N, C-alpha and C. Protein backbone atom coordinates (compact mmCIF):
# COMPACT_ATOMS: atom_id res chain seq x y z
N MET A 1 -14.16 -93.30 9.04
CA MET A 1 -13.50 -93.57 7.87
C MET A 1 -12.02 -94.00 8.35
N ASP A 2 -11.17 -94.74 8.02
CA ASP A 2 -10.17 -95.24 8.53
C ASP A 2 -9.17 -94.20 8.09
N GLY A 3 -7.76 -94.10 8.27
CA GLY A 3 -6.64 -93.55 7.87
C GLY A 3 -6.34 -93.85 6.25
N LEU A 4 -6.54 -94.99 6.11
CA LEU A 4 -6.28 -95.28 4.70
C LEU A 4 -7.28 -94.72 3.64
N ASP A 5 -8.69 -94.63 4.25
CA ASP A 5 -9.87 -94.14 3.18
C ASP A 5 -9.25 -92.47 3.44
N GLN A 6 -9.05 -91.90 4.37
CA GLN A 6 -8.81 -90.46 4.42
C GLN A 6 -7.72 -90.16 3.43
N THR A 7 -6.72 -90.70 3.60
CA THR A 7 -5.42 -90.72 2.59
C THR A 7 -6.17 -90.58 1.11
N ARG A 8 -6.65 -91.81 0.63
CA ARG A 8 -7.32 -92.06 -0.41
C ARG A 8 -8.04 -90.56 -0.75
N THR A 9 -9.09 -90.15 -0.03
CA THR A 9 -9.69 -89.01 -0.24
C THR A 9 -9.06 -87.78 -0.53
N HIS A 10 -7.92 -87.34 0.45
CA HIS A 10 -7.23 -86.29 0.08
C HIS A 10 -6.43 -86.31 -1.13
N ILE A 11 -5.83 -87.68 -1.51
CA ILE A 11 -5.17 -87.82 -2.68
C ILE A 11 -5.92 -87.48 -3.92
N GLU A 12 -7.32 -88.02 -3.65
CA GLU A 12 -8.36 -87.95 -5.16
C GLU A 12 -8.54 -86.58 -5.16
N VAL A 13 -8.63 -85.66 -4.42
CA VAL A 13 -9.00 -84.40 -4.41
C VAL A 13 -7.44 -83.52 -4.95
N TYR A 14 -6.83 -83.89 -4.38
CA TYR A 14 -5.26 -83.33 -4.94
C TYR A 14 -5.39 -83.69 -6.34
N ALA A 15 -5.56 -84.90 -6.83
CA ALA A 15 -5.07 -85.53 -7.90
C ALA A 15 -6.17 -84.40 -9.19
N GLU A 16 -6.96 -83.87 -8.50
CA GLU A 16 -7.92 -83.12 -9.42
C GLU A 16 -7.51 -81.84 -9.51
N MET A 17 -6.00 -81.12 -8.85
CA MET A 17 -5.84 -79.87 -8.92
C MET A 17 -4.85 -79.89 -9.86
N PRO A 18 -4.14 -78.73 -10.37
CA PRO A 18 -3.45 -78.74 -11.60
C PRO A 18 -1.87 -78.86 -11.24
N ALA A 19 -1.26 -79.66 -11.87
CA ALA A 19 0.25 -79.71 -11.49
C ALA A 19 0.77 -78.50 -11.07
N ASN A 20 1.95 -78.44 -10.45
CA ASN A 20 3.03 -77.30 -10.27
C ASN A 20 4.07 -77.81 -9.91
N PRO A 21 5.29 -77.33 -11.02
CA PRO A 21 6.62 -77.61 -10.87
C PRO A 21 7.27 -77.22 -9.87
N GLU A 22 6.95 -76.73 -9.10
CA GLU A 22 7.45 -76.45 -7.43
C GLU A 22 7.00 -77.36 -6.51
N SER A 23 5.95 -77.88 -6.87
CA SER A 23 5.71 -79.35 -5.67
C SER A 23 6.26 -80.27 -6.15
N LEU A 24 6.37 -80.52 -7.61
CA LEU A 24 7.57 -81.62 -8.03
C LEU A 24 8.81 -81.59 -7.21
N GLN A 25 9.31 -80.34 -7.18
CA GLN A 25 10.76 -80.38 -7.01
C GLN A 25 11.02 -80.47 -5.41
N HIS A 26 9.82 -80.16 -4.50
CA HIS A 26 9.59 -80.49 -3.38
C HIS A 26 9.86 -81.94 -2.86
N LEU A 27 8.55 -82.74 -3.96
CA LEU A 27 8.34 -83.91 -3.79
C LEU A 27 9.82 -84.83 -3.97
N ARG A 28 10.39 -84.42 -4.78
CA ARG A 28 11.82 -85.19 -4.86
C ARG A 28 13.11 -84.92 -4.33
N ARG A 29 12.71 -83.91 -3.75
CA ARG A 29 13.76 -83.36 -2.48
C ARG A 29 13.47 -84.35 -1.04
N LEU A 30 12.37 -84.27 -1.22
CA LEU A 30 11.53 -85.32 0.20
C LEU A 30 12.09 -86.39 -0.39
N ALA A 31 11.88 -87.40 -1.44
CA ALA A 31 11.93 -88.67 -1.63
C ALA A 31 13.88 -88.90 -1.14
N SER A 32 14.43 -87.92 -1.54
CA SER A 32 15.53 -88.40 -1.28
C SER A 32 15.87 -88.77 0.33
N ALA A 33 15.26 -87.87 0.91
CA ALA A 33 15.24 -87.99 2.51
C ALA A 33 14.95 -89.16 2.94
N PHE A 34 14.35 -89.75 2.46
CA PHE A 34 13.65 -90.98 3.16
C PHE A 34 15.04 -92.42 2.78
N ARG A 35 15.68 -92.11 2.12
CA ARG A 35 16.89 -92.81 1.69
C ARG A 35 17.63 -93.72 3.40
N VAL A 36 17.47 -92.63 4.29
CA VAL A 36 18.24 -92.92 5.56
C VAL A 36 17.00 -93.36 6.41
N HIS A 37 15.86 -93.54 6.01
CA HIS A 37 14.98 -94.31 6.62
C HIS A 37 14.30 -95.61 6.52
N GLY A 38 14.92 -95.71 5.65
CA GLY A 38 15.22 -97.29 4.87
C GLY A 38 13.62 -97.65 4.26
N LEU A 39 13.09 -96.63 3.50
CA LEU A 39 11.89 -96.66 2.83
C LEU A 39 12.16 -96.75 1.46
N VAL A 40 11.33 -96.93 0.92
CA VAL A 40 11.54 -96.64 -0.71
C VAL A 40 10.56 -95.68 -1.28
N ALA A 41 10.92 -94.49 -1.91
CA ALA A 41 10.02 -93.53 -2.20
C ALA A 41 10.29 -93.51 -3.54
N ARG A 42 9.06 -93.09 -4.17
CA ARG A 42 9.01 -92.58 -5.95
C ARG A 42 7.82 -91.80 -5.73
N VAL A 43 8.19 -90.85 -6.73
CA VAL A 43 7.56 -89.93 -7.26
C VAL A 43 6.53 -90.33 -8.43
N GLU A 44 5.23 -90.30 -7.99
CA GLU A 44 3.98 -90.87 -8.89
C GLU A 44 3.53 -89.45 -9.64
N GLN A 45 2.50 -89.66 -10.92
CA GLN A 45 1.90 -88.62 -11.12
C GLN A 45 0.61 -88.90 -11.63
N PRO A 46 -0.29 -89.49 -10.77
CA PRO A 46 -1.53 -89.89 -11.35
C PRO A 46 -2.46 -89.10 -11.82
N GLY A 47 -2.67 -88.82 -13.07
CA GLY A 47 -3.62 -87.58 -13.31
C GLY A 47 -2.76 -86.14 -13.82
N GLY A 48 -1.26 -86.44 -13.60
CA GLY A 48 -0.80 -85.41 -13.84
C GLY A 48 -0.41 -84.50 -12.73
N THR A 49 -0.78 -84.75 -11.71
CA THR A 49 -0.46 -84.28 -10.44
C THR A 49 0.30 -85.01 -9.60
N PRO A 50 1.49 -84.71 -9.13
CA PRO A 50 2.74 -85.44 -8.54
C PRO A 50 2.30 -85.79 -6.90
N VAL A 51 2.28 -87.17 -6.50
CA VAL A 51 2.51 -87.32 -5.08
C VAL A 51 3.52 -88.30 -4.91
N LEU A 52 4.49 -88.46 -3.46
CA LEU A 52 5.17 -89.40 -3.40
C LEU A 52 4.58 -90.39 -2.77
N ARG A 53 5.08 -91.69 -3.41
CA ARG A 53 4.59 -93.08 -2.61
C ARG A 53 5.67 -93.31 -2.14
N LEU A 54 5.86 -93.77 -0.69
CA LEU A 54 6.42 -94.19 0.08
C LEU A 54 6.05 -95.72 0.93
N ALA A 55 7.00 -96.71 0.33
CA ALA A 55 6.99 -98.00 0.83
C ALA A 55 7.84 -98.53 1.85
N HIS A 56 7.19 -99.17 2.59
CA HIS A 56 8.19 -99.85 3.89
C HIS A 56 8.71 -101.19 3.40
N LYS A 57 10.07 -101.47 3.22
CA LYS A 57 10.92 -102.31 2.45
C LYS A 57 10.29 -103.99 3.10
N ASN A 58 10.16 -103.61 4.40
CA ASN A 58 9.86 -105.19 5.13
C ASN A 58 8.38 -105.38 5.11
N THR A 59 7.60 -104.29 5.57
CA THR A 59 5.72 -104.64 5.74
C THR A 59 5.60 -104.41 4.63
N GLY A 60 5.74 -103.76 3.45
CA GLY A 60 5.03 -103.46 1.92
C GLY A 60 4.21 -102.15 2.47
N ARG A 61 4.09 -101.90 3.64
CA ARG A 61 3.04 -100.64 3.99
C ARG A 61 3.23 -99.54 3.08
N VAL A 62 1.91 -99.03 2.72
CA VAL A 62 2.40 -97.80 1.60
C VAL A 62 1.55 -96.58 2.27
N LEU A 63 2.45 -95.34 2.01
CA LEU A 63 1.96 -93.91 2.44
C LEU A 63 1.74 -93.13 1.27
N TYR A 64 1.13 -92.36 0.81
CA TYR A 64 1.00 -91.20 0.01
C TYR A 64 1.34 -90.08 0.62
N VAL A 65 2.15 -88.77 -0.23
CA VAL A 65 2.31 -87.31 0.44
C VAL A 65 2.21 -86.76 -0.56
N ALA A 66 1.58 -85.70 -0.35
CA ALA A 66 1.15 -84.73 -1.35
C ALA A 66 1.77 -83.33 -0.97
N CYS A 67 2.36 -82.53 -2.15
CA CYS A 67 2.76 -81.39 -1.55
C CYS A 67 1.96 -79.96 -1.76
N VAL A 68 1.10 -79.42 -0.79
CA VAL A 68 0.23 -78.37 -1.53
C VAL A 68 0.60 -77.10 -0.89
N LEU A 69 -0.13 -76.17 -1.53
CA LEU A 69 0.20 -74.52 -1.26
C LEU A 69 -1.05 -74.37 -0.23
N THR A 70 -0.71 -74.06 0.97
CA THR A 70 -1.75 -73.67 2.11
C THR A 70 -0.97 -72.33 2.67
N ALA A 71 -2.15 -71.22 2.65
CA ALA A 71 -1.51 -70.08 2.99
C ALA A 71 -0.44 -69.33 2.58
N GLY A 72 -0.20 -69.52 1.57
CA GLY A 72 1.37 -68.93 0.74
C GLY A 72 2.57 -69.85 1.10
N THR A 73 2.22 -71.10 1.82
CA THR A 73 3.17 -71.81 2.51
C THR A 73 3.30 -73.45 1.61
N TRP A 74 4.26 -74.05 1.31
CA TRP A 74 4.21 -75.13 0.54
C TRP A 74 4.14 -76.03 2.12
N SER A 75 3.58 -76.91 1.55
CA SER A 75 3.37 -78.08 3.11
C SER A 75 3.26 -79.37 2.36
N TRP A 76 3.40 -80.52 3.50
CA TRP A 76 3.16 -81.74 3.29
C TRP A 76 2.04 -82.29 3.51
N LEU A 77 1.11 -82.82 2.77
CA LEU A 77 -0.22 -83.52 3.57
C LEU A 77 0.02 -85.15 3.43
N TRP A 78 -0.59 -85.68 4.49
CA TRP A 78 -0.28 -87.06 4.53
C TRP A 78 -1.28 -87.56 5.73
N THR A 79 -1.89 -88.37 5.36
CA THR A 79 -3.20 -89.31 6.28
C THR A 79 -3.29 -88.44 7.35
N GLY A 80 -4.22 -87.16 7.02
CA GLY A 80 -4.58 -86.04 7.56
C GLY A 80 -3.81 -84.93 8.71
N ASN A 81 -2.65 -85.24 8.37
CA ASN A 81 -1.56 -84.46 8.82
C ASN A 81 -1.07 -83.43 7.78
N VAL A 82 -0.48 -82.36 8.09
CA VAL A 82 0.33 -81.11 7.43
C VAL A 82 1.25 -80.53 7.98
N THR A 83 2.33 -80.61 7.47
CA THR A 83 3.59 -79.82 8.04
C THR A 83 4.03 -79.06 6.90
N PRO A 84 4.66 -77.77 7.44
CA PRO A 84 5.62 -76.98 6.10
C PRO A 84 6.54 -77.91 5.44
N VAL A 85 7.29 -77.69 4.31
CA VAL A 85 8.10 -78.43 4.00
C VAL A 85 9.67 -77.90 4.43
N SER A 86 9.29 -76.63 5.33
CA SER A 86 10.49 -76.09 5.74
C SER A 86 10.82 -76.93 7.10
N ASP A 87 10.17 -77.66 7.60
CA ASP A 87 10.37 -78.36 8.70
C ASP A 87 11.35 -79.51 8.84
N PRO A 88 12.54 -79.17 9.18
CA PRO A 88 13.38 -80.35 9.04
C PRO A 88 12.92 -81.44 9.75
N LYS A 89 12.09 -81.77 10.91
CA LYS A 89 11.53 -82.84 11.23
C LYS A 89 10.63 -83.41 10.41
N ALA A 90 9.64 -82.73 9.61
CA ALA A 90 8.81 -83.67 8.65
C ALA A 90 9.24 -84.92 7.86
N PRO A 91 10.53 -85.23 7.35
CA PRO A 91 10.69 -86.47 7.06
C PRO A 91 10.77 -87.72 8.21
N ALA A 92 11.30 -87.41 9.47
CA ALA A 92 11.05 -87.97 10.69
C ALA A 92 9.60 -88.77 11.08
N LEU A 93 8.77 -87.25 11.00
CA LEU A 93 7.43 -87.53 11.05
C LEU A 93 6.68 -88.36 10.28
N ILE A 94 6.76 -88.16 9.04
CA ILE A 94 6.42 -89.37 7.87
C ILE A 94 6.48 -90.35 7.74
N ALA A 95 8.08 -90.81 8.27
CA ALA A 95 8.41 -92.08 8.25
C ALA A 95 7.67 -92.75 9.54
N GLU A 96 7.85 -92.22 10.69
CA GLU A 96 6.82 -92.58 11.86
C GLU A 96 5.82 -92.92 11.58
N ALA A 97 4.85 -92.33 10.56
CA ALA A 97 3.79 -92.67 10.53
C ALA A 97 3.38 -93.92 9.81
N LEU A 98 4.37 -94.17 8.89
CA LEU A 98 4.48 -95.35 7.93
C LEU A 98 5.17 -96.69 9.08
N HIS A 99 5.70 -96.26 9.66
CA HIS A 99 6.09 -97.47 10.69
C HIS A 99 4.71 -98.25 11.50
N HIS A 100 4.03 -96.89 11.77
CA HIS A 100 2.77 -97.66 13.04
C HIS A 100 1.65 -98.00 12.18
């Protein structure tokens, strides 16, 4: 299973979870952080559960990021990676994943 298939699987499972207003707030905050990385960020809500859709302006590559509650801590989930929302390096790590 390649990275794209893994991401789709994670997003499909995540989309079945009930929506949480706090995750939506975190995703909106993260979306604003990507303006400095030259990426197009948009919060989407498939099935009512929010995810962040990131697209590279030049290549058209797309990456989805979910915000999940893990062990009592909000975390970003993308392509098999998990990082706490409190990690200031998270936007750069996620942007790097989209650039490669």
